[in-house]
C-alpha cells in the first residue's frame, strides 16, 4: 500500500498526464528510472518534433515555498 504522500503524488502526475494529452502530447514513458533518479513523464510533441520531460511537483499551497522553488539545477538536487 502506498503512503498518503505517494498517493497524492500519483494523483498529481495523473492530472498532469491528462492535461498534456489533452494538449496533443503523446506519452512516451511514465516514471522512467535512471541511475540519476526518476523522470516523471516523457512526452512527444509531434507538432514541434520535440521530446518533453516533465517533473511534476505538488504543493497544497505556496505559503512557505512554491513547487518551482523545490527544483535545483544541479544533478540530483531536489529540496
PDB file of N, CA and C in Angstrom:
ATOM      1  N   UNK A   1       0.835  -1.181   0.000  1.00  0.00           N
ATOM      2  CA  UNK A   1       0.000   0.000   0.000  1.00  0.00           C
ATOM      3  C   UNK A   1       0.881   1.246   0.000  1.00  0.00           C
ATOM      4  N   UNK A   2       0.538   2.200  -0.845  1.00  0.00           N
ATOM      5  CA  UNK A   2       1.302   3.435  -0.942  1.00  0.00           C
ATOM      6  C   UNK A   2       0.970   4.370   0.215  1.00  0.00           C
ATOM      7  N   UNK A   3       1.950   5.189   0.576  1.00  0.00           N
ATOM      8  CA  UNK A   3       1.718   6.193   1.603  1.00  0.00           C
ATOM      9  C   UNK A   3       0.799   7.281   1.050  1.00  0.00           C
ATOM     10  N   UNK A   4       0.233   8.064   1.944  1.00  0.00           N
ATOM     11  CA  UNK A   4      -0.639   9.165   1.529  1.00  0.00           C
ATOM     12  C   UNK A   4       0.114  10.121   0.609  1.00  0.00           C
ATOM     13  N   UNK A   5       1.378  10.396   0.947  1.00  0.00           N
ATOM     14  CA  UNK A   5       2.199  11.306   0.136  1.00  0.00           C
ATOM     15  C   UNK A   5       2.376  10.754  -1.280  1.00  0.00           C
ATOM     16  N   UNK A   6       2.643   9.471  -1.396  1.00  0.00           N
ATOM     17  CA  UNK A   6       2.838   8.855  -2.719  1.00  0.00           C
ATOM     18  C   UNK A   6       1.526   8.821  -3.492  1.00  0.00           C
ATOM     19  N   UNK A   7       0.410   8.543  -2.811  1.00  0.00           N
ATOM     20  CA  UNK A   7      -0.892   8.548  -3.474  1.00  0.00           C
ATOM     21  C   UNK A   7      -1.208   9.933  -4.029  1.00  0.00           C
ATOM     22  N   UNK A   8      -0.916  10.965  -3.246  1.00  0.00           N
ATOM     23  CA  UNK A   8      -1.142  12.343  -3.689  1.00  0.00           C
ATOM     24  C   UNK A   8      -0.254  12.657  -4.890  1.00  0.00           C
ATOM     25  N   UNK A   9       1.002  12.215  -4.843  1.00  0.00           N
ATOM     26  CA  UNK A   9       1.913  12.415  -5.967  1.00  0.00           C
ATOM     27  C   UNK A   9       1.424  11.722  -7.229  1.00  0.00           C
ATOM     28  N   UNK A  10       0.933  10.501  -7.073  1.00  0.00           N
ATOM     29  CA  UNK A  10       0.390   9.764  -8.225  1.00  0.00           C
ATOM     30  C   UNK A  10      -0.800  10.492  -8.829  1.00  0.00           C
ATOM     31  N   UNK A  11      -1.685  11.025  -7.976  1.00  0.00           N
ATOM     32  CA  UNK A  11      -2.840  11.772  -8.465  1.00  0.00           C
ATOM     33  C   UNK A  11      -2.401  13.024  -9.229  1.00  0.00           C
ATOM     34  N   UNK A  12      -1.403  13.726  -8.706  1.00  0.00           N
ATOM     35  CA  UNK A  12      -0.891  14.926  -9.376  1.00  0.00           C
ATOM     36  C   UNK A  12      -0.282  14.558 -10.730  1.00  0.00           C
ATOM     37  N   UNK A  13       0.466  13.462 -10.778  1.00  0.00           N
ATOM     38  CA  UNK A  13       1.050  13.014 -12.050  1.00  0.00           C
ATOM     39  C   UNK A  13      -0.027  12.653 -13.055  1.00  0.00           C
ATOM     40  N   UNK A  14      -1.080  11.976 -12.591  1.00  0.00           N
ATOM     41  CA  UNK A  14      -2.173  11.604 -13.498  1.00  0.00           C
ATOM     42  C   UNK A  14      -2.895  12.835 -14.041  1.00  0.00           C
ATOM     43  N   UNK A  15      -3.106  13.848 -13.198  1.00  0.00           N
ATOM     44  CA  UNK A  15      -3.733  15.084 -13.668  1.00  0.00           C
ATOM     45  C   UNK A  15      -2.851  15.787 -14.704  1.00  0.00           C
ATOM     46  N   UNK A  16      -1.550  15.807 -14.450  1.00  0.00           N
ATOM     47  CA  UNK A  16      -0.614  16.409 -15.400  1.00  0.00           C
ATOM     48  C   UNK A  16      -0.632  15.646 -16.721  1.00  0.00           C
ATOM     49  N   UNK A  17      -0.654  14.334 -16.646  1.00  0.00           N
ATOM     50  CA  UNK A  17      -0.674  13.500 -17.848  1.00  0.00           C
ATOM     51  C   UNK A  17      -1.934  13.764 -18.673  1.00  0.00           C
ATOM     52  N   UNK A  18      -3.081  13.831 -18.014  1.00  0.00           N
ATOM     53  CA  UNK A  18      -4.336  14.114 -18.718  1.00  0.00           C
ATOM     54  C   UNK A  18      -4.271  15.478 -19.403  1.00  0.00           C
ATOM     55  N   UNK A  19      -3.764  16.482 -18.679  1.00  0.00           N
ATOM     56  CA  UNK A  19      -3.634  17.828 -19.248  1.00  0.00           C
ATOM     57  C   UNK A  19      -2.739  17.810 -20.488  1.00  0.00           C
ATOM     58  N   UNK A  20      -1.604  17.153 -20.391  1.00  0.00           N
ATOM     59  CA  UNK A  20      -0.666  17.110 -21.515  1.00  0.00           C
ATOM     60  C   UNK A  20      -1.268  16.375 -22.716  1.00  0.00           C
ATOM     61  N   UNK A  21      -1.960  15.273 -22.467  1.00  0.00           N
ATOM     62  CA  UNK A  21      -2.582  14.528 -23.554  1.00  0.00           C
ATOM     63  C   UNK A  21      -3.702  15.335 -24.203  1.00  0.00           C
ATOM     64  N   UNK A  22      -4.441  16.094 -23.401  1.00  0.00           N
ATOM     65  CA  UNK A  22      -5.485  16.961 -23.952  1.00  0.00           C
ATOM     66  C   UNK A  22      -4.907  18.075 -24.816  1.00  0.00           C
ATOM     67  N   UNK A  23      -3.621  18.359 -24.620  1.00  0.00           N
ATOM     68  CA  UNK A  23      -2.928  19.376 -25.416  1.00  0.00           C
ATOM     69  C   UNK A  23      -2.049  18.738 -26.485  1.00  0.00           C
ATOM     70  N   UNK A  24      -2.463  17.542 -26.911  1.00  0.00           N
ATOM     71  CA  UNK A  24      -1.898  16.847 -28.073  1.00  0.00           C
ATOM     72  C   UNK A  24      -0.466  16.365 -27.913  1.00  0.00           C
ATOM     73  N   UNK A  25      -0.037  16.120 -26.683  1.00  0.00           N
ATOM     74  CA  UNK A  25       1.251  15.475 -26.478  1.00  0.00           C
ATOM     75  C   UNK A  25       1.016  13.980 -26.301  1.00  0.00           C
ATOM     76  N   UNK A  26       1.947  13.195 -26.784  1.00  0.00           N
ATOM     77  CA  UNK A  26       1.822  11.734 -26.745  1.00  0.00           C
ATOM     78  C   UNK A  26       2.753  11.170 -25.676  1.00  0.00           C
ATOM     79  N   UNK A  27       2.216  10.301 -24.833  1.00  0.00           N
ATOM     80  CA  UNK A  27       3.011   9.691 -23.770  1.00  0.00           C
ATOM     81  C   UNK A  27       4.048   8.741 -24.358  1.00  0.00           C
ATOM     82  N   UNK A  28       5.288   8.926 -23.940  1.00  0.00           N
ATOM     83  CA  UNK A  28       6.374   8.014 -24.298  1.00  0.00           C
ATOM     84  C   UNK A  28       6.663   7.085 -23.119  1.00  0.00           C
ATOM     85  N   UNK A  29       6.810   7.669 -21.923  1.00  0.00           N
ATOM     86  CA  UNK A  29       7.148   6.878 -20.730  1.00  0.00           C
ATOM     87  C   UNK A  29       6.720   7.641 -19.487  1.00  0.00           C
ATOM     88  N   UNK A  30       6.307   6.897 -18.468  1.00  0.00           N
ATOM     89  CA  UNK A  30       5.960   7.490 -17.181  1.00  0.00           C
ATOM     90  C   UNK A  30       6.772   6.807 -16.098  1.00  0.00           C
ATOM     91  N   UNK A  31       7.286   7.604 -15.159  1.00  0.00           N
ATOM     92  CA  UNK A  31       8.114   7.114 -14.051  1.00  0.00           C
ATOM     93  C   UNK A  31       9.336   6.348 -14.554  1.00  0.00           C
ATOM     94  N   UNK A  32      10.057   6.976 -15.472  1.00  0.00           N
ATOM     95  CA  UNK A  32      11.249   6.384 -16.071  1.00  0.00           C
ATOM     96  C   UNK A  32      12.412   6.487 -15.081  1.00  0.00           C
ATOM     97  N   UNK A  33      12.973   5.349 -14.724  1.00  0.00           N
ATOM     98  CA  UNK A  33      14.059   5.315 -13.749  1.00  0.00           C
ATOM     99  C   UNK A  33      15.417   5.306 -14.442  1.00  0.00           C
ATOM    100  N   UNK A  34      16.325   6.128 -13.931  1.00  0.00           N
ATOM    101  CA  UNK A  34      17.705   6.147 -14.387  1.00  0.00           C
ATOM    102  C   UNK A  34      18.601   6.014 -13.162  1.00  0.00           C
ATOM    103  N   UNK A  35      19.889   5.876 -13.365  1.00  0.00           N
ATOM    104  CA  UNK A  35      20.795   5.798 -12.219  1.00  0.00           C
ATOM    105  C   UNK A  35      20.892   7.139 -11.485  1.00  0.00           C
ATOM    106  N   UNK A  36      20.440   8.208 -12.140  1.00  0.00           N
ATOM    107  CA  UNK A  36      20.461   9.542 -11.520  1.00  0.00           C
ATOM    108  C   UNK A  36      19.137   9.916 -10.873  1.00  0.00           C
ATOM    109  N   UNK A  37      18.096   9.136 -11.085  1.00  0.00           N
ATOM    110  CA  UNK A  37      16.801   9.460 -10.496  1.00  0.00           C
ATOM    111  C   UNK A  37      15.664   9.082 -11.420  1.00  0.00           C
ATOM    112  N   UNK A  38      14.517   9.699 -11.190  1.00  0.00           N
ATOM    113  CA  UNK A  38      13.308   9.376 -11.940  1.00  0.00           C
ATOM    114  C   UNK A  38      12.848  10.569 -12.768  1.00  0.00           C
ATOM    115  N   UNK A  39      12.398  10.302 -13.982  1.00  0.00           N
ATOM    116  CA  UNK A  39      11.728  11.308 -14.802  1.00  0.00           C
ATOM    117  C   UNK A  39      10.250  10.966 -14.743  1.00  0.00           C
ATOM    118  N   UNK A  40       9.447  11.884 -14.225  1.00  0.00           N
ATOM    119  CA  UNK A  40       8.032  11.588 -14.008  1.00  0.00           C
ATOM    120  C   UNK A  40       7.300  11.250 -15.294  1.00  0.00           C
ATOM    121  N   UNK A  41       7.426  12.123 -16.298  1.00  0.00           N
ATOM    122  CA  UNK A  41       6.687  11.917 -17.547  1.00  0.00           C
ATOM    123  C   UNK A  41       7.572  12.342 -18.717  1.00  0.00           C
ATOM    124  N   UNK A  42       7.612  11.509 -19.750  1.00  0.00           N
ATOM    125  CA  UNK A  42       8.277  11.866 -21.006  1.00  0.00           C
ATOM    126  C   UNK A  42       7.206  11.839 -22.085  1.00  0.00           C
ATOM    127  N   UNK A  43       7.063  12.969 -22.775  1.00  0.00           N
ATOM    128  CA  UNK A  43       6.025  13.116 -23.794  1.00  0.00           C
ATOM    129  C   UNK A  43       6.673  13.483 -25.124  1.00  0.00           C
ATOM    130  N   UNK A  44       5.918  13.301 -26.198  1.00  0.00           N
ATOM    131  CA  UNK A  44       6.340  13.727 -27.525  1.00  0.00           C
ATOM    132  C   UNK A  44       5.365  14.773 -28.021  1.00  0.00           C
ATOM    133  N   UNK A  45       5.898  15.928 -28.394  1.00  0.00           N
ATOM    134  CA  UNK A  45       5.106  16.970 -29.046  1.00  0.00           C
ATOM    135  C   UNK A  45       5.346  16.803 -30.543  1.00  0.00           C
ATOM    136  N   UNK A  46       4.418  16.123 -31.218  1.00  0.00           N
ATOM    137  CA  UNK A  46       4.597  15.816 -32.638  1.00  0.00           C
ATOM    138  C   UNK A  46       4.630  17.071 -33.496  1.00  0.00           C
ATOM    139  N   UNK A  47       3.872  18.091 -33.129  1.00  0.00           N
ATOM    140  CA  UNK A  47       3.820  19.307 -33.945  1.00  0.00           C
ATOM    141  C   UNK A  47       5.169  20.023 -33.977  1.00  0.00           C
ATOM    142  N   UNK A  48       5.928  19.906 -32.885  1.00  0.00           N
ATOM    143  CA  UNK A  48       7.247  20.549 -32.804  1.00  0.00           C
ATOM    144  C   UNK A  48       8.382  19.545 -32.963  1.00  0.00           C
ATOM    145  N   UNK A  49       8.048  18.258 -33.079  1.00  0.00           N
ATOM    146  CA  UNK A  49       9.029  17.174 -33.118  1.00  0.00           C
ATOM    147  C   UNK A  49      10.025  17.322 -31.956  1.00  0.00           C
ATOM    148  N   UNK A  50       9.433  17.413 -30.752  1.00  0.00           N
ATOM    149  CA  UNK A  50      10.220  17.680 -29.554  1.00  0.00           C
ATOM    150  C   UNK A  50       9.856  16.708 -28.444  1.00  0.00           C
ATOM    151  N   UNK A  51      10.872  16.189 -27.760  1.00  0.00           N
ATOM    152  CA  UNK A  51      10.635  15.417 -26.543  1.00  0.00           C
ATOM    153  C   UNK A  51      10.447  16.392 -25.395  1.00  0.00           C
ATOM    154  N   UNK A  52       9.483  16.113 -24.535  1.00  0.00           N
ATOM    155  CA  UNK A  52       9.175  16.971 -23.399  1.00  0.00           C
ATOM    156  C   UNK A  52       9.356  16.153 -22.123  1.00  0.00           C
ATOM    157  N   UNK A  53      10.230  16.613 -21.239  1.00  0.00           N
ATOM    158  CA  UNK A  53      10.488  15.949 -19.974  1.00  0.00           C
ATOM    159  C   UNK A  53       9.773  16.734 -18.881  1.00  0.00           C
ATOM    160  N   UNK A  54       8.942  16.044 -18.105  1.00  0.00           N
ATOM    161  CA  UNK A  54       8.082  16.719 -17.133  1.00  0.00           C
ATOM    162  C   UNK A  54       8.396  16.239 -15.724  1.00  0.00           C
ATOM    163  N   UNK A  55       8.677  17.183 -14.847  1.00  0.00           N
ATOM    164  CA  UNK A  55       8.825  16.921 -13.419  1.00  0.00           C
ATOM    165  C   UNK A  55       7.568  17.469 -12.758  1.00  0.00           C
ATOM    166  N   UNK A  56       6.786  16.599 -12.135  1.00  0.00           N
ATOM    167  CA  UNK A  56       5.538  17.007 -11.503  1.00  0.00           C
ATOM    168  C   UNK A  56       5.811  17.309 -10.036  1.00  0.00           C
ATOM    169  N   UNK A  57       5.434  18.502  -9.617  1.00  0.00           N
ATOM    170  CA  UNK A  57       5.603  18.915  -8.223  1.00  0.00           C
ATOM    171  C   UNK A  57       4.240  19.322  -7.685  1.00  0.00           C
ATOM    172  N   UNK A  58       3.883  18.841  -6.515  1.00  0.00           N
ATOM    173  CA  UNK A  58       2.604  19.164  -5.904  1.00  0.00           C
ATOM    174  C   UNK A  58       2.822  19.855  -4.574  1.00  0.00           C
ATOM    175  N   UNK A  59       2.083  20.913  -4.359  1.00  0.00           N
ATOM    176  CA  UNK A  59       2.077  21.608  -3.081  1.00  0.00           C
ATOM    177  C   UNK A  59       0.631  21.934  -2.743  1.00  0.00           C
ATOM    178  N   UNK A  60       0.243  21.760  -1.488  1.00  0.00           N
ATOM    179  CA  UNK A  60      -1.113  22.116  -1.087  1.00  0.00           C
ATOM    180  C   UNK A  60      -1.318  23.625  -1.166  1.00  0.00           C
ATOM    181  N   UNK A  61      -0.263  24.383  -0.879  1.00  0.00           N
ATOM    182  CA  UNK A  61      -0.290  25.840  -1.013  1.00  0.00           C
ATOM    183  C   UNK A  61       1.147  26.317  -1.149  1.00  0.00           C
ATOM    184  N   UNK A  62       1.300  27.577  -1.457  1.00  0.00           N
ATOM    185  CA  UNK A  62       2.662  28.111  -1.602  1.00  0.00           C
ATOM    186  C   UNK A  62       2.987  29.104  -0.482  1.00  0.00           C
ATOM    187  N   UNK A  63       2.413  28.842   0.690  1.00  0.00           N
ATOM    188  CA  UNK A  63       2.641  29.712   1.840  1.00  0.00           C
ATOM    189  C   UNK A  63       4.125  29.774   2.208  1.00  0.00           C
ATOM    190  N   UNK A  64       4.819  28.628   2.130  1.00  0.00           N
ATOM    191  CA  UNK A  64       6.218  28.586   2.530  1.00  0.00           C
ATOM    192  C   UNK A  64       7.164  28.613   1.332  1.00  0.00           C
ATOM    193  N   UNK A  65       6.845  27.815   0.313  1.00  0.00           N
ATOM    194  CA  UNK A  65       7.710  27.732  -0.864  1.00  0.00           C
ATOM    195  C   UNK A  65       6.873  27.195  -2.023  1.00  0.00           C
ATOM    196  N   UNK A  66       7.133  27.708  -3.213  1.00  0.00           N
ATOM    197  CA  UNK A  66       6.380  27.229  -4.369  1.00  0.00           C
ATOM    198  C   UNK A  66       7.020  25.944  -4.908  1.00  0.00           C
ATOM    199  N   UNK A  67       6.256  25.209  -5.688  1.00  0.00           N
ATOM    200  CA  UNK A  67       6.761  23.958  -6.251  1.00  0.00           C
ATOM    201  C   UNK A  67       7.992  24.195  -7.111  1.00  0.00           C
ATOM    202  N   UNK A  68       8.013  25.279  -7.872  1.00  0.00           N
ATOM    203  CA  UNK A  68       9.167  25.548  -8.748  1.00  0.00           C
ATOM    204  C   UNK A  68      10.436  25.834  -7.949  1.00  0.00           C
ATOM    205  N   UNK A  69      10.286  26.331  -6.734  1.00  0.00           N
ATOM    206  CA  UNK A  69      11.460  26.608  -5.905  1.00  0.00           C
ATOM    207  C   UNK A  69      12.064  25.349  -5.303  1.00  0.00           C
ATOM    208  N   UNK A  70      11.407  24.200  -5.468  1.00  0.00           N
ATOM    209  CA  UNK A  70      11.918  22.959  -4.876  1.00  0.00           C
ATOM    210  C   UNK A  70      12.813  22.180  -5.832  1.00  0.00           C
ATOM    211  N   UNK A  71      12.983  22.680  -7.047  1.00  0.00           N
ATOM    212  CA  UNK A  71      13.831  22.010  -8.026  1.00  0.00           C
ATOM    213  C   UNK A  71      15.066  22.862  -8.254  1.00  0.00           C
ATOM    214  N   UNK A  72      16.230  22.231  -8.127  1.00  0.00           N
ATOM    215  CA  UNK A  72      17.511  22.913  -8.276  1.00  0.00           C
ATOM    216  C   UNK A  72      18.161  22.462  -9.578  1.00  0.00           C
ATOM    217  N   UNK A  73      18.978  23.291 -10.176  1.00  0.00           N
ATOM    218  CA  UNK A  73      19.634  22.966 -11.451  1.00  0.00           C
ATOM    219  C   UNK A  73      20.683  21.879 -11.328  1.00  0.00           C
ATOM    220  N   UNK A  74      21.268  21.720 -10.165  1.00  0.00           N
ATOM    221  CA  UNK A  74      22.323  20.728 -10.017  1.00  0.00           C
ATOM    222  C   UNK A  74      21.742  19.318 -10.039  1.00  0.00           C
ATOM    223  N   UNK A  75      22.545  18.373 -10.486  1.00  0.00           N
ATOM    224  CA  UNK A  75      22.117  16.987 -10.625  1.00  0.00           C
ATOM    225  C   UNK A  75      21.687  16.414  -9.277  1.00  0.00           C
ATOM    226  N   UNK A  76      20.544  15.725  -9.289  1.00  0.00           N
ATOM    227  CA  UNK A  76      20.018  15.020  -8.115  1.00  0.00           C
ATOM    228  C   UNK A  76      19.744  15.929  -6.939  1.00  0.00           C
ATOM    229  N   UNK A  77      19.554  17.196  -7.160  1.00  0.00           N
ATOM    230  CA  UNK A  77      19.308  18.084  -6.039  1.00  0.00           C
ATOM    231  C   UNK A  77      17.866  18.552  -6.067  1.00  0.00           C
ATOM    232  N   UNK A  78      17.055  17.944  -5.243  1.00  0.00           N
ATOM    233  CA  UNK A  78      15.669  18.359  -5.085  1.00  0.00           C
ATOM    234  C   UNK A  78      15.460  18.655  -3.616  1.00  0.00           C
ATOM    235  N   UNK A  79      14.968  19.848  -3.323  1.00  0.00           N
ATOM    236  CA  UNK A  79      14.766  20.268  -1.924  1.00  0.00           C
ATOM    237  C   UNK A  79      13.456  19.734  -1.390  1.00  0.00           C
TER     238      UNK A  79
END
